[in-house]
Amino acid sequence: QYEKIAKYLPRQRGNVSMSNLQLINAILYVTENGCKWRALPETYGNWHTIYVRMNRWSKNGVLSRVFAALQTEGIIQTNVEVVCLDSTTVKVHPDGTGALKKEDNRRSEDRAEDSPRRFIWLPHLTDRLSAFRSPEAQNTYEGDKMRAVAKKLGYNPVVPPKKNRIDPWEYDRILYKRRNEVERFFRRIKRFRRIFTRYDKLDIVFAGFILFAMIFDSLV
């Protein structure tokens, strides 16, 4: 499994105390078990070194590039035909609060007033989704402002109107039936305890764990 991603990882130069393989094994342990960084077994190396490099990989987009490269190579055979919008609940542990309010690390404040939750928009997300113009969403997201945001981005939302709508609209009912695919994805990804419960203060690091879990899940 490591050989499939080794060439896409940053090249190590000089006298390094930990190889990329050791780092991957340590991050995998934390992702699967959800332990604190300080509770990482000593056999994996210095926990602070591992945390710093995981933080750096998340901010520099290393994991995102690895995932994209594996898709291009055909190792991750994910054929994205439609964007499905849904929400899931991730409990935030008290340790995951209180991060310094730096602009680069703060979550997005863009939120439609009638949406039930705040969204974390990653910088590369809209670029990756720009080719898909018909996102699916449950009727929880059929509010006027939420649909307006989607249309402003150039999307044609596939979401049914509520029964009390005075001016209901037509939508692709066959395409809408595929919304369960994102729910099944949530079930797979949340088997990783570091995803099931959030311990990370920074959105970008938590998103890095999600990408790491997606990569590992595709390689197994």
N, C-alpha and C. Protein backbone atom coordinates (compact mmCIF):
# COMPACT_ATOMS: atom_id res chain seq x y z
N GLN A 1 0.82 -1.20 0.00
CA GLN A 1 0.00 0.00 0.00
C GLN A 1 0.86 1.26 0.00
N TYR A 2 1.92 1.25 0.80
CA TYR A 2 2.78 2.43 0.88
C TYR A 2 3.46 2.72 -0.45
N GLU A 3 3.85 1.67 -1.16
CA GLU A 3 4.53 1.87 -2.44
C GLU A 3 3.66 2.62 -3.44
N LYS A 4 2.35 2.52 -3.29
CA LYS A 4 1.45 3.18 -4.23
C LYS A 4 1.41 4.69 -4.03
N ILE A 5 1.75 5.15 -2.82
CA ILE A 5 1.67 6.58 -2.54
C ILE A 5 3.03 7.21 -2.28
N ALA A 6 4.09 6.39 -2.14
CA ALA A 6 5.41 6.90 -1.74
C ALA A 6 5.92 7.98 -2.69
N LYS A 7 5.73 7.80 -3.98
CA LYS A 7 6.29 8.75 -4.95
C LYS A 7 5.56 10.10 -4.95
N TYR A 8 4.39 10.16 -4.32
CA TYR A 8 3.64 11.41 -4.27
C TYR A 8 3.86 12.19 -2.98
N LEU A 9 4.60 11.59 -2.06
CA LEU A 9 4.88 12.25 -0.79
C LEU A 9 6.10 13.17 -0.93
N PRO A 10 6.24 14.17 -0.07
CA PRO A 10 7.39 15.08 -0.15
C PRO A 10 8.70 14.33 -0.03
N ARG A 11 9.66 14.71 -0.86
CA ARG A 11 10.97 14.08 -0.82
C ARG A 11 11.73 14.56 0.40
N GLN A 12 12.28 13.61 1.12
CA GLN A 12 13.01 13.94 2.34
C GLN A 12 14.47 14.22 2.03
N ARG A 13 14.97 15.31 2.59
CA ARG A 13 16.35 15.73 2.34
C ARG A 13 17.09 15.89 3.67
N GLY A 14 18.37 15.67 3.62
CA GLY A 14 19.18 15.87 4.81
C GLY A 14 19.01 14.75 5.82
N ASN A 15 19.37 15.06 7.04
CA ASN A 15 19.32 14.09 8.13
C ASN A 15 17.96 14.15 8.82
N VAL A 16 17.06 13.27 8.43
CA VAL A 16 15.72 13.26 9.01
C VAL A 16 15.61 12.13 10.03
N SER A 17 14.89 12.39 11.10
CA SER A 17 14.77 11.40 12.17
C SER A 17 13.63 10.42 11.95
N MET A 18 12.76 10.72 10.97
CA MET A 18 11.59 9.87 10.75
C MET A 18 11.28 9.80 9.26
N SER A 19 11.16 8.59 8.74
CA SER A 19 10.85 8.41 7.33
C SER A 19 9.36 8.66 7.07
N ASN A 20 9.02 8.83 5.81
CA ASN A 20 7.61 9.02 5.46
C ASN A 20 6.78 7.80 5.82
N LEU A 21 7.36 6.62 5.70
CA LEU A 21 6.63 5.39 6.05
C LEU A 21 6.32 5.37 7.54
N GLN A 22 7.29 5.73 8.38
CA GLN A 22 7.04 5.79 9.82
C GLN A 22 5.95 6.81 10.15
N LEU A 23 5.99 7.94 9.44
CA LEU A 23 5.00 8.98 9.67
C LEU A 23 3.61 8.51 9.28
N ILE A 24 3.49 7.84 8.14
CA ILE A 24 2.20 7.33 7.68
C ILE A 24 1.62 6.34 8.69
N ASN A 25 2.46 5.43 9.19
CA ASN A 25 2.00 4.44 10.17
C ASN A 25 1.52 5.12 11.46
N ALA A 26 2.23 6.17 11.88
CA ALA A 26 1.84 6.88 13.10
C ALA A 26 0.50 7.61 12.90
N ILE A 27 0.35 8.29 11.76
CA ILE A 27 -0.90 9.00 11.49
C ILE A 27 -2.06 8.02 11.37
N LEU A 28 -1.80 6.86 10.77
CA LEU A 28 -2.84 5.84 10.66
C LEU A 28 -3.30 5.36 12.03
N TYR A 29 -2.35 5.19 12.94
CA TYR A 29 -2.70 4.76 14.29
C TYR A 29 -3.60 5.79 14.97
N VAL A 30 -3.24 7.06 14.85
CA VAL A 30 -4.04 8.13 15.47
C VAL A 30 -5.41 8.21 14.80
N THR A 31 -5.46 8.07 13.48
CA THR A 31 -6.73 8.17 12.75
C THR A 31 -7.68 7.04 13.13
N GLU A 32 -7.16 5.84 13.23
CA GLU A 32 -8.01 4.69 13.53
C GLU A 32 -8.44 4.65 14.99
N ASN A 33 -7.55 5.01 15.90
CA ASN A 33 -7.83 4.86 17.33
C ASN A 33 -8.31 6.14 17.99
N GLY A 34 -8.10 7.28 17.35
CA GLY A 34 -8.59 8.54 17.90
C GLY A 34 -7.88 8.97 19.17
N CYS A 35 -6.66 8.52 19.38
CA CYS A 35 -5.96 8.84 20.62
C CYS A 35 -5.39 10.25 20.57
N LYS A 36 -5.00 10.75 21.72
CA LYS A 36 -4.32 12.03 21.78
C LYS A 36 -2.92 11.88 21.18
N TRP A 37 -2.39 12.99 20.67
CA TRP A 37 -1.04 12.95 20.13
C TRP A 37 -0.05 12.48 21.19
N ARG A 38 -0.21 12.98 22.41
CA ARG A 38 0.72 12.61 23.49
C ARG A 38 0.59 11.15 23.88
N ALA A 39 -0.56 10.53 23.56
CA ALA A 39 -0.77 9.12 23.91
C ALA A 39 -0.27 8.16 22.83
N LEU A 40 0.31 8.69 21.77
CA LEU A 40 0.84 7.85 20.70
C LEU A 40 1.98 6.99 21.24
N PRO A 41 1.92 5.68 21.03
CA PRO A 41 3.00 4.81 21.54
C PRO A 41 4.37 5.26 21.07
N GLU A 42 5.35 5.16 21.93
CA GLU A 42 6.70 5.63 21.64
C GLU A 42 7.34 4.90 20.48
N THR A 43 6.83 3.69 20.17
CA THR A 43 7.40 2.93 19.06
C THR A 43 7.20 3.64 17.72
N TYR A 44 6.24 4.57 17.66
CA TYR A 44 5.97 5.30 16.42
C TYR A 44 6.85 6.54 16.28
N GLY A 45 7.54 6.92 17.33
CA GLY A 45 8.40 8.09 17.27
C GLY A 45 7.90 9.21 18.15
N ASN A 46 8.55 10.34 18.05
CA ASN A 46 8.20 11.51 18.86
C ASN A 46 6.85 12.07 18.41
N TRP A 47 5.90 12.18 19.33
CA TRP A 47 4.55 12.59 18.96
C TRP A 47 4.52 14.01 18.41
N HIS A 48 5.37 14.89 18.95
CA HIS A 48 5.36 16.29 18.51
C HIS A 48 5.88 16.42 17.08
N THR A 49 6.88 15.64 16.73
CA THR A 49 7.39 15.64 15.36
C THR A 49 6.31 15.19 14.39
N ILE A 50 5.57 14.16 14.78
CA ILE A 50 4.50 13.63 13.93
C ILE A 50 3.38 14.65 13.77
N TYR A 51 3.02 15.30 14.87
CA TYR A 51 1.97 16.33 14.81
C TYR A 51 2.37 17.49 13.90
N VAL A 52 3.61 17.95 14.04
CA VAL A 52 4.07 19.09 13.24
C VAL A 52 4.03 18.76 11.75
N ARG A 53 4.47 17.55 11.40
CA ARG A 53 4.48 17.19 9.99
C ARG A 53 3.07 16.94 9.46
N MET A 54 2.18 16.40 10.28
CA MET A 54 0.79 16.24 9.86
C MET A 54 0.14 17.61 9.65
N ASN A 55 0.43 18.53 10.54
CA ASN A 55 -0.07 19.90 10.41
C ASN A 55 0.45 20.53 9.11
N ARG A 56 1.74 20.34 8.83
CA ARG A 56 2.35 20.92 7.63
C ARG A 56 1.76 20.30 6.37
N TRP A 57 1.58 18.97 6.35
CA TRP A 57 1.01 18.31 5.18
C TRP A 57 -0.42 18.78 4.92
N SER A 58 -1.17 19.00 5.99
CA SER A 58 -2.55 19.46 5.84
C SER A 58 -2.60 20.86 5.24
N LYS A 59 -1.76 21.74 5.76
CA LYS A 59 -1.77 23.14 5.29
C LYS A 59 -1.20 23.28 3.89
N ASN A 60 -0.23 22.43 3.53
CA ASN A 60 0.40 22.53 2.22
C ASN A 60 -0.33 21.76 1.13
N GLY A 61 -1.40 21.06 1.49
CA GLY A 61 -2.18 20.34 0.49
C GLY A 61 -1.54 19.05 0.01
N VAL A 62 -0.63 18.47 0.80
CA VAL A 62 0.04 17.24 0.39
C VAL A 62 -0.95 16.10 0.24
N LEU A 63 -1.82 15.91 1.21
CA LEU A 63 -2.76 14.80 1.18
C LEU A 63 -3.78 14.96 0.06
N SER A 64 -4.16 16.19 -0.20
CA SER A 64 -5.09 16.45 -1.31
C SER A 64 -4.46 16.08 -2.65
N ARG A 65 -3.18 16.41 -2.81
CA ARG A 65 -2.49 16.07 -4.06
C ARG A 65 -2.29 14.57 -4.21
N VAL A 66 -2.04 13.88 -3.09
CA VAL A 66 -1.91 12.42 -3.14
C VAL A 66 -3.21 11.79 -3.60
N PHE A 67 -4.32 12.25 -3.03
CA PHE A 67 -5.63 11.70 -3.40
C PHE A 67 -5.91 11.94 -4.88
N ALA A 68 -5.63 13.16 -5.36
CA ALA A 68 -5.87 13.50 -6.76
C ALA A 68 -4.98 12.66 -7.68
N ALA A 69 -3.73 12.44 -7.28
CA ALA A 69 -2.80 11.65 -8.09
C ALA A 69 -3.25 10.19 -8.20
N LEU A 70 -3.75 9.64 -7.10
CA LEU A 70 -4.22 8.26 -7.11
C LEU A 70 -5.47 8.12 -7.98
N GLN A 71 -6.28 9.15 -8.01
CA GLN A 71 -7.44 9.13 -8.91
C GLN A 71 -6.99 9.15 -10.37
N THR A 72 -6.03 10.00 -10.68
CA THR A 72 -5.51 10.09 -12.05
C THR A 72 -4.88 8.78 -12.48
N GLU A 73 -4.18 8.12 -11.56
CA GLU A 73 -3.51 6.87 -11.87
C GLU A 73 -4.48 5.69 -11.94
N GLY A 74 -5.69 5.89 -11.44
CA GLY A 74 -6.69 4.84 -11.48
C GLY A 74 -6.66 3.90 -10.30
N ILE A 75 -5.79 4.19 -9.32
CA ILE A 75 -5.74 3.36 -8.11
C ILE A 75 -7.00 3.58 -7.29
N ILE A 76 -7.38 4.85 -7.15
CA ILE A 76 -8.67 5.17 -6.54
C ILE A 76 -9.67 5.30 -7.68
N GLN A 77 -10.48 4.30 -7.84
CA GLN A 77 -11.43 4.28 -8.95
C GLN A 77 -12.76 4.87 -8.51
N THR A 78 -12.73 6.18 -8.37
CA THR A 78 -13.93 6.90 -7.98
C THR A 78 -14.39 7.74 -9.16
N ASN A 79 -15.54 7.38 -9.69
CA ASN A 79 -16.09 8.10 -10.83
C ASN A 79 -17.13 9.09 -10.32
N VAL A 80 -16.74 10.35 -10.21
CA VAL A 80 -17.63 11.37 -9.68
C VAL A 80 -18.54 11.87 -10.79
N GLU A 81 -19.82 11.55 -10.69
CA GLU A 81 -20.79 11.95 -11.70
C GLU A 81 -21.71 13.04 -11.21
N VAL A 82 -21.85 13.14 -9.92
CA VAL A 82 -22.77 14.13 -9.36
C VAL A 82 -22.31 14.49 -7.96
N VAL A 83 -22.59 15.70 -7.54
CA VAL A 83 -22.25 16.16 -6.20
C VAL A 83 -23.46 15.98 -5.29
N CYS A 84 -23.25 15.31 -4.15
CA CYS A 84 -24.32 15.10 -3.19
C CYS A 84 -24.04 15.93 -1.94
N LEU A 85 -25.00 16.74 -1.56
CA LEU A 85 -24.84 17.60 -0.38
C LEU A 85 -25.68 17.05 0.76
N ASP A 86 -25.03 16.76 1.85
CA ASP A 86 -25.73 16.27 3.04
C ASP A 86 -24.90 16.67 4.25
N SER A 87 -25.46 16.49 5.41
CA SER A 87 -24.74 16.85 6.63
C SER A 87 -24.66 15.65 7.56
N THR A 88 -23.66 15.67 8.42
CA THR A 88 -23.53 14.65 9.45
C THR A 88 -23.03 15.33 10.71
N THR A 89 -23.27 14.72 11.83
CA THR A 89 -22.88 15.29 13.11
C THR A 89 -21.56 14.69 13.58
N VAL A 90 -20.62 15.54 13.88
CA VAL A 90 -19.34 15.11 14.46
C VAL A 90 -19.19 15.84 15.79
N LYS A 91 -19.17 15.09 16.86
CA LYS A 91 -19.03 15.70 18.17
C LYS A 91 -17.64 16.28 18.33
N VAL A 92 -17.58 17.48 18.86
CA VAL A 92 -16.30 18.14 19.09
C VAL A 92 -15.94 18.00 20.56
N HIS A 93 -14.83 17.33 20.81
CA HIS A 93 -14.34 17.16 22.18
C HIS A 93 -13.88 18.52 22.71
N PRO A 94 -13.97 18.75 24.02
CA PRO A 94 -13.48 20.02 24.58
C PRO A 94 -12.04 20.34 24.19
N ASP A 95 -11.22 19.31 23.94
CA ASP A 95 -9.84 19.55 23.51
C ASP A 95 -9.77 20.16 22.12
N GLY A 96 -10.87 20.06 21.36
CA GLY A 96 -10.88 20.59 20.01
C GLY A 96 -11.37 22.01 19.91
N THR A 97 -11.44 22.71 21.03
CA THR A 97 -11.89 24.11 21.04
C THR A 97 -10.77 25.00 21.54
N GLY A 98 -10.92 26.29 21.30
CA GLY A 98 -9.97 27.25 21.84
C GLY A 98 -8.78 27.53 20.97
N ALA A 99 -8.89 27.27 19.65
CA ALA A 99 -7.77 27.56 18.76
C ALA A 99 -7.59 29.05 18.60
N LEU A 100 -6.35 29.47 18.35
CA LEU A 100 -6.07 30.88 18.10
C LEU A 100 -6.78 31.32 16.83
N LYS A 101 -7.31 32.54 16.84
CA LYS A 101 -8.11 33.02 15.72
C LYS A 101 -7.23 33.61 14.62
N LYS A 102 -6.54 32.76 13.92
CA LYS A 102 -5.74 33.20 12.79
C LYS A 102 -6.59 33.10 11.53
N GLU A 103 -6.45 34.07 10.65
CA GLU A 103 -7.30 34.14 9.47
C GLU A 103 -7.17 32.91 8.59
N ASP A 104 -5.93 32.39 8.43
CA ASP A 104 -5.71 31.27 7.53
C ASP A 104 -6.32 29.98 8.06
N ASN A 105 -6.56 29.91 9.36
CA ASN A 105 -7.01 28.67 9.96
C ASN A 105 -8.48 28.70 10.36
N ARG A 106 -9.13 29.85 10.23
CA ARG A 106 -10.51 29.93 10.66
C ARG A 106 -11.43 29.30 9.63
N ARG A 107 -12.54 28.78 10.09
CA ARG A 107 -13.51 28.22 9.18
C ARG A 107 -14.25 29.32 8.45
N SER A 108 -14.90 28.97 7.37
CA SER A 108 -15.61 29.95 6.57
C SER A 108 -16.80 30.49 7.34
N GLU A 109 -17.04 31.78 7.20
CA GLU A 109 -18.18 32.41 7.86
C GLU A 109 -19.38 32.51 6.92
N ASP A 110 -19.20 32.05 5.66
CA ASP A 110 -20.30 32.12 4.70
C ASP A 110 -21.37 31.11 5.08
N ARG A 111 -22.54 31.60 5.36
CA ARG A 111 -23.60 30.71 5.78
C ARG A 111 -24.94 31.31 5.39
N ALA A 112 -25.74 30.56 4.67
CA ALA A 112 -27.08 31.03 4.35
C ALA A 112 -27.91 31.03 5.62
N GLU A 113 -28.75 32.03 5.79
CA GLU A 113 -29.47 32.19 7.05
C GLU A 113 -30.43 31.04 7.31
N ASP A 114 -30.94 30.41 6.24
CA ASP A 114 -31.90 29.35 6.47
C ASP A 114 -31.26 27.96 6.43
N SER A 115 -29.92 27.88 6.43
CA SER A 115 -29.27 26.59 6.47
C SER A 115 -29.12 26.15 7.92
N PRO A 116 -29.22 24.82 8.21
CA PRO A 116 -29.20 24.36 9.59
C PRO A 116 -27.84 24.36 10.24
N ARG A 117 -26.75 24.33 9.44
CA ARG A 117 -25.41 24.23 10.01
C ARG A 117 -24.45 25.11 9.22
N ARG A 118 -23.30 25.39 9.82
CA ARG A 118 -22.22 26.11 9.15
C ARG A 118 -21.39 25.12 8.36
N PHE A 119 -20.89 25.55 7.20
CA PHE A 119 -20.08 24.71 6.35
C PHE A 119 -18.63 25.13 6.42
N ILE A 120 -17.74 24.16 6.29
CA ILE A 120 -16.32 24.44 6.18
C ILE A 120 -15.94 24.26 4.72
N TRP A 121 -15.70 25.36 4.02
CA TRP A 121 -15.33 25.30 2.61
C TRP A 121 -13.81 25.29 2.50
N LEU A 122 -13.25 24.19 2.03
CA LEU A 122 -11.81 24.10 1.84
C LEU A 122 -11.43 24.85 0.57
N PRO A 123 -10.25 25.48 0.54
CA PRO A 123 -9.86 26.29 -0.61
C PRO A 123 -9.91 25.55 -1.93
N HIS A 124 -9.56 24.24 -1.94
CA HIS A 124 -9.51 23.50 -3.20
C HIS A 124 -10.85 22.86 -3.55
N LEU A 125 -11.85 22.97 -2.67
CA LEU A 125 -13.10 22.24 -2.87
C LEU A 125 -13.86 22.76 -4.08
N THR A 126 -14.06 24.08 -4.16
CA THR A 126 -14.84 24.63 -5.26
C THR A 126 -14.15 24.39 -6.60
N ASP A 127 -12.81 24.35 -6.62
CA ASP A 127 -12.10 24.07 -7.87
C ASP A 127 -12.35 22.65 -8.34
N ARG A 128 -12.33 21.69 -7.39
CA ARG A 128 -12.54 20.29 -7.75
C ARG A 128 -13.96 20.04 -8.21
N LEU A 129 -14.93 20.82 -7.72
CA LEU A 129 -16.33 20.59 -8.03
C LEU A 129 -16.85 21.46 -9.16
N SER A 130 -15.98 22.26 -9.76
CA SER A 130 -16.44 23.23 -10.75
C SER A 130 -17.03 22.58 -12.00
N ALA A 131 -16.68 21.30 -12.25
CA ALA A 131 -17.18 20.63 -13.45
C ALA A 131 -18.56 20.02 -13.27
N PHE A 132 -19.09 20.04 -12.05
CA PHE A 132 -20.37 19.40 -11.78
C PHE A 132 -21.40 20.47 -11.48
N ARG A 133 -22.49 20.46 -12.25
CA ARG A 133 -23.45 21.55 -12.19
C ARG A 133 -24.81 21.15 -11.66
N SER A 134 -24.96 19.92 -11.15
CA SER A 134 -26.26 19.49 -10.64
C SER A 134 -26.10 18.79 -9.31
N PRO A 135 -25.78 19.51 -8.24
CA PRO A 135 -25.61 18.87 -6.93
C PRO A 135 -26.94 18.42 -6.36
N GLU A 136 -26.95 17.24 -5.71
CA GLU A 136 -28.14 16.76 -5.04
C GLU A 136 -28.12 17.24 -3.60
N ALA A 137 -29.33 17.43 -3.04
CA ALA A 137 -29.42 17.81 -1.63
C ALA A 137 -30.80 17.43 -1.12
N GLN A 138 -30.87 17.09 0.16
CA GLN A 138 -32.15 16.80 0.75
C GLN A 138 -32.96 18.09 0.90
N ASN A 139 -34.28 17.93 1.13
CA ASN A 139 -35.12 19.13 1.17
C ASN A 139 -34.83 20.01 2.38
N THR A 140 -33.94 19.55 3.27
CA THR A 140 -33.47 20.42 4.35
C THR A 140 -32.77 21.65 3.77
N TYR A 141 -32.20 21.48 2.58
CA TYR A 141 -31.44 22.55 1.95
C TYR A 141 -32.20 23.24 0.83
N GLU A 142 -33.54 23.19 0.86
CA GLU A 142 -34.29 23.76 -0.24
C GLU A 142 -34.66 25.22 0.00
N GLY A 143 -34.10 25.83 1.04
CA GLY A 143 -34.37 27.24 1.33
C GLY A 143 -33.96 28.14 0.18
N ASP A 144 -34.63 29.27 0.05
CA ASP A 144 -34.38 30.19 -1.06
C ASP A 144 -32.93 30.67 -1.08
N LYS A 145 -32.39 31.01 0.09
CA LYS A 145 -31.04 31.55 0.12
C LYS A 145 -30.00 30.48 -0.16
N MET A 146 -30.26 29.26 0.30
CA MET A 146 -29.34 28.17 0.01
C MET A 146 -29.31 27.87 -1.49
N ARG A 147 -30.45 27.86 -2.12
CA ARG A 147 -30.53 27.62 -3.56
C ARG A 147 -29.92 28.77 -4.34
N ALA A 148 -30.08 29.97 -3.81
CA ALA A 148 -29.50 31.15 -4.47
C ALA A 148 -27.98 31.07 -4.47
N VAL A 149 -27.40 30.61 -3.35
CA VAL A 149 -25.96 30.46 -3.27
C VAL A 149 -25.47 29.44 -4.29
N ALA A 150 -26.20 28.32 -4.41
CA ALA A 150 -25.82 27.28 -5.38
C ALA A 150 -25.87 27.81 -6.81
N LYS A 151 -26.91 28.55 -7.13
CA LYS A 151 -27.04 29.09 -8.48
C LYS A 151 -25.99 30.16 -8.76
N LYS A 152 -25.63 30.91 -7.73
CA LYS A 152 -24.59 31.93 -7.89
C LYS A 152 -23.26 31.29 -8.25
N LEU A 153 -23.02 30.08 -7.73
CA LEU A 153 -21.80 29.34 -8.03
C LEU A 153 -21.89 28.60 -9.37
N GLY A 154 -23.03 28.70 -10.02
CA GLY A 154 -23.19 28.07 -11.33
C GLY A 154 -23.79 26.69 -11.29
N TYR A 155 -24.37 26.29 -10.15
CA TYR A 155 -24.95 24.97 -10.02
C TYR A 155 -26.45 24.98 -10.28
N ASN A 156 -26.97 23.83 -10.67
CA ASN A 156 -28.40 23.64 -10.82
C ASN A 156 -28.85 22.66 -9.74
N PRO A 157 -29.30 23.13 -8.57
CA PRO A 157 -29.59 22.24 -7.45
C PRO A 157 -30.74 21.27 -7.74
N VAL A 158 -30.50 19.99 -7.42
CA VAL A 158 -31.52 18.95 -7.55
C VAL A 158 -32.06 18.68 -6.16
N VAL A 159 -33.07 19.43 -5.77
CA VAL A 159 -33.63 19.32 -4.43
C VAL A 159 -35.14 19.52 -4.52
N PRO A 160 -35.93 18.64 -3.90
CA PRO A 160 -37.39 18.75 -4.00
C PRO A 160 -37.91 19.89 -3.14
N PRO A 161 -38.97 20.56 -3.58
CA PRO A 161 -39.58 21.61 -2.76
C PRO A 161 -40.42 21.00 -1.64
N LYS A 162 -40.55 21.73 -0.57
CA LYS A 162 -41.42 21.25 0.52
C LYS A 162 -42.88 21.36 0.09
N LYS A 163 -43.71 20.60 0.77
CA LYS A 163 -45.12 20.52 0.38
C LYS A 163 -45.86 21.84 0.54
N ASN A 164 -45.38 22.68 1.43
CA ASN A 164 -46.08 23.95 1.66
C ASN A 164 -45.57 25.08 0.75
N ARG A 165 -44.77 24.73 -0.26
CA ARG A 165 -44.29 25.73 -1.20
C ARG A 165 -45.43 26.24 -2.08
N ILE A 166 -45.51 27.56 -2.19
CA ILE A 166 -46.54 28.16 -3.05
C ILE A 166 -46.16 28.00 -4.52
N ASP A 167 -44.89 28.10 -4.82
CA ASP A 167 -44.42 27.98 -6.20
C ASP A 167 -43.40 26.85 -6.32
N PRO A 168 -43.83 25.56 -6.25
CA PRO A 168 -42.91 24.42 -6.33
C PRO A 168 -42.24 24.35 -7.71
N TRP A 169 -41.08 23.71 -7.76
CA TRP A 169 -40.34 23.58 -9.01
C TRP A 169 -40.13 22.11 -9.34
N GLU A 170 -39.80 21.85 -10.58
CA GLU A 170 -39.50 20.49 -11.02
C GLU A 170 -38.04 20.16 -10.74
N TYR A 171 -37.74 18.88 -10.51
CA TYR A 171 -36.37 18.44 -10.26
C TYR A 171 -36.21 17.03 -10.79
N ASP A 172 -34.98 16.61 -10.97
CA ASP A 172 -34.67 15.29 -11.51
C ASP A 172 -34.88 14.24 -10.42
N ARG A 173 -36.01 13.55 -10.49
CA ARG A 173 -36.36 12.58 -9.44
C ARG A 173 -35.44 11.35 -9.47
N ILE A 174 -35.00 10.94 -10.63
CA ILE A 174 -34.11 9.78 -10.73
C ILE A 174 -32.75 10.11 -10.11
N LEU A 175 -32.23 11.27 -10.41
CA LEU A 175 -30.96 11.69 -9.85
C LEU A 175 -31.06 11.88 -8.34
N TYR A 176 -32.20 12.35 -7.89
CA TYR A 176 -32.38 12.61 -6.47
C TYR A 176 -32.33 11.33 -5.64
N LYS A 177 -32.70 10.19 -6.23
CA LYS A 177 -32.69 8.92 -5.51
C LYS A 177 -31.28 8.48 -5.13
N ARG A 178 -30.27 9.07 -5.74
CA ARG A 178 -28.89 8.67 -5.46
C ARG A 178 -28.30 9.38 -4.24
N ARG A 179 -29.12 10.15 -3.54
CA ARG A 179 -28.59 10.91 -2.40
C ARG A 179 -28.09 10.00 -1.28
N ASN A 180 -28.48 8.72 -1.29
CA ASN A 180 -28.04 7.79 -0.24
C ASN A 180 -26.56 7.49 -0.33
N GLU A 181 -25.94 7.80 -1.49
CA GLU A 181 -24.53 7.47 -1.66
C GLU A 181 -23.65 8.25 -0.68
N VAL A 182 -24.00 9.51 -0.45
CA VAL A 182 -23.21 10.31 0.49
C VAL A 182 -23.43 9.82 1.92
N GLU A 183 -24.63 9.30 2.22
CA GLU A 183 -24.88 8.76 3.56
C GLU A 183 -24.06 7.51 3.80
N ARG A 184 -23.90 6.68 2.78
CA ARG A 184 -23.08 5.48 2.91
C ARG A 184 -21.60 5.85 3.08
N PHE A 185 -21.21 6.94 2.42
CA PHE A 185 -19.82 7.41 2.58
C PHE A 185 -19.57 7.85 4.01
N PHE A 186 -20.53 8.56 4.61
CA PHE A 186 -20.38 8.98 6.01
C PHE A 186 -20.19 7.77 6.91
N ARG A 187 -20.93 6.69 6.66
CA ARG A 187 -20.82 5.50 7.49
C ARG A 187 -19.42 4.90 7.40
N ARG A 188 -18.85 4.87 6.18
CA ARG A 188 -17.51 4.31 6.02
C ARG A 188 -16.45 5.17 6.69
N ILE A 189 -16.56 6.47 6.48
CA ILE A 189 -15.50 7.36 6.95
C ILE A 189 -15.50 7.50 8.47
N LYS A 190 -16.66 7.33 9.10
CA LYS A 190 -16.75 7.54 10.54
C LYS A 190 -16.37 6.30 11.35
N ARG A 191 -15.91 5.25 10.64
CA ARG A 191 -15.35 4.12 11.39
C ARG A 191 -13.98 4.48 11.95
N PHE A 192 -13.39 5.55 11.42
CA PHE A 192 -12.14 6.07 11.97
C PHE A 192 -12.48 6.97 13.16
N ARG A 193 -11.98 6.62 14.32
CA ARG A 193 -12.37 7.32 15.54
C ARG A 193 -11.94 8.79 15.55
N ARG A 194 -10.87 9.10 14.84
CA ARG A 194 -10.43 10.50 14.81
C ARG A 194 -11.40 11.35 13.96
N ILE A 195 -12.18 10.70 13.12
CA ILE A 195 -13.21 11.39 12.33
C ILE A 195 -14.53 11.40 13.09
N PHE A 196 -14.82 10.29 13.75
CA PHE A 196 -16.09 10.15 14.48
C PHE A 196 -16.21 11.22 15.56
N THR A 197 -15.12 11.50 16.24
CA THR A 197 -15.08 12.57 17.25
C THR A 197 -13.92 13.50 16.91
N ARG A 198 -14.21 14.78 16.88
CA ARG A 198 -13.18 15.75 16.52
C ARG A 198 -12.41 16.20 17.76
N TYR A 199 -11.08 16.06 17.69
CA TYR A 199 -10.20 16.53 18.75
C TYR A 199 -9.32 17.69 18.29
N ASP A 200 -9.33 17.99 17.01
CA ASP A 200 -8.40 18.98 16.46
C ASP A 200 -8.98 20.38 16.54
N LYS A 201 -8.16 21.32 16.97
CA LYS A 201 -8.61 22.70 17.07
C LYS A 201 -8.76 23.36 15.71
N LEU A 202 -7.90 23.00 14.77
CA LEU A 202 -7.88 23.66 13.47
C LEU A 202 -8.69 22.89 12.44
N ASP A 203 -9.51 23.62 11.68
CA ASP A 203 -10.30 22.99 10.62
C ASP A 203 -9.41 22.29 9.60
N ILE A 204 -8.29 22.92 9.25
CA ILE A 204 -7.43 22.40 8.20
C ILE A 204 -6.80 21.08 8.60
N VAL A 205 -6.50 20.89 9.88
CA VAL A 205 -5.93 19.63 10.35
C VAL A 205 -7.00 18.54 10.37
N PHE A 206 -8.21 18.90 10.82
CA PHE A 206 -9.31 17.94 10.81
C PHE A 206 -9.62 17.50 9.38
N ALA A 207 -9.61 18.45 8.44
CA ALA A 207 -9.83 18.12 7.04
C ALA A 207 -8.71 17.21 6.52
N GLY A 208 -7.48 17.41 7.03
CA GLY A 208 -6.37 16.55 6.65
C GLY A 208 -6.60 15.11 7.08
N PHE A 209 -7.15 14.92 8.27
CA PHE A 209 -7.47 13.56 8.73
C PHE A 209 -8.55 12.93 7.85
N ILE A 210 -9.51 13.73 7.41
CA ILE A 210 -10.56 13.20 6.53
C ILE A 210 -9.95 12.72 5.21
N LEU A 211 -9.06 13.53 4.64
CA LEU A 211 -8.40 13.14 3.41
C LEU A 211 -7.54 11.88 3.61
N PHE A 212 -6.83 11.82 4.73
CA PHE A 212 -6.01 10.65 5.02
C PHE A 212 -6.87 9.40 5.12
N ALA A 213 -8.00 9.51 5.80
CA ALA A 213 -8.90 8.36 5.95
C ALA A 213 -9.47 7.94 4.60
N MET A 214 -9.78 8.91 3.74
CA MET A 214 -10.28 8.58 2.40
C MET A 214 -9.23 7.84 1.57
N ILE A 215 -7.98 8.27 1.68
CA ILE A 215 -6.90 7.61 0.96
C ILE A 215 -6.74 6.17 1.44
N PHE A 216 -6.65 6.00 2.76
CA PHE A 216 -6.47 4.65 3.33
C PHE A 216 -7.66 3.76 3.01
N ASP A 217 -8.88 4.30 3.10
CA ASP A 217 -10.08 3.51 2.83
C ASP A 217 -10.09 3.02 1.38
N SER A 218 -9.54 3.81 0.48
CA SER A 218 -9.52 3.43 -0.94
C SER A 218 -8.44 2.41 -1.26
N LEU A 219 -7.38 2.38 -0.44
CA LEU A 219 -6.28 1.47 -0.70
C LEU A 219 -6.47 0.10 -0.07
N VAL A 220 -7.36 0.01 0.90
CA VAL A 220 -7.56 -1.27 1.60
C VAL A 220 -8.26 -2.28 0.68
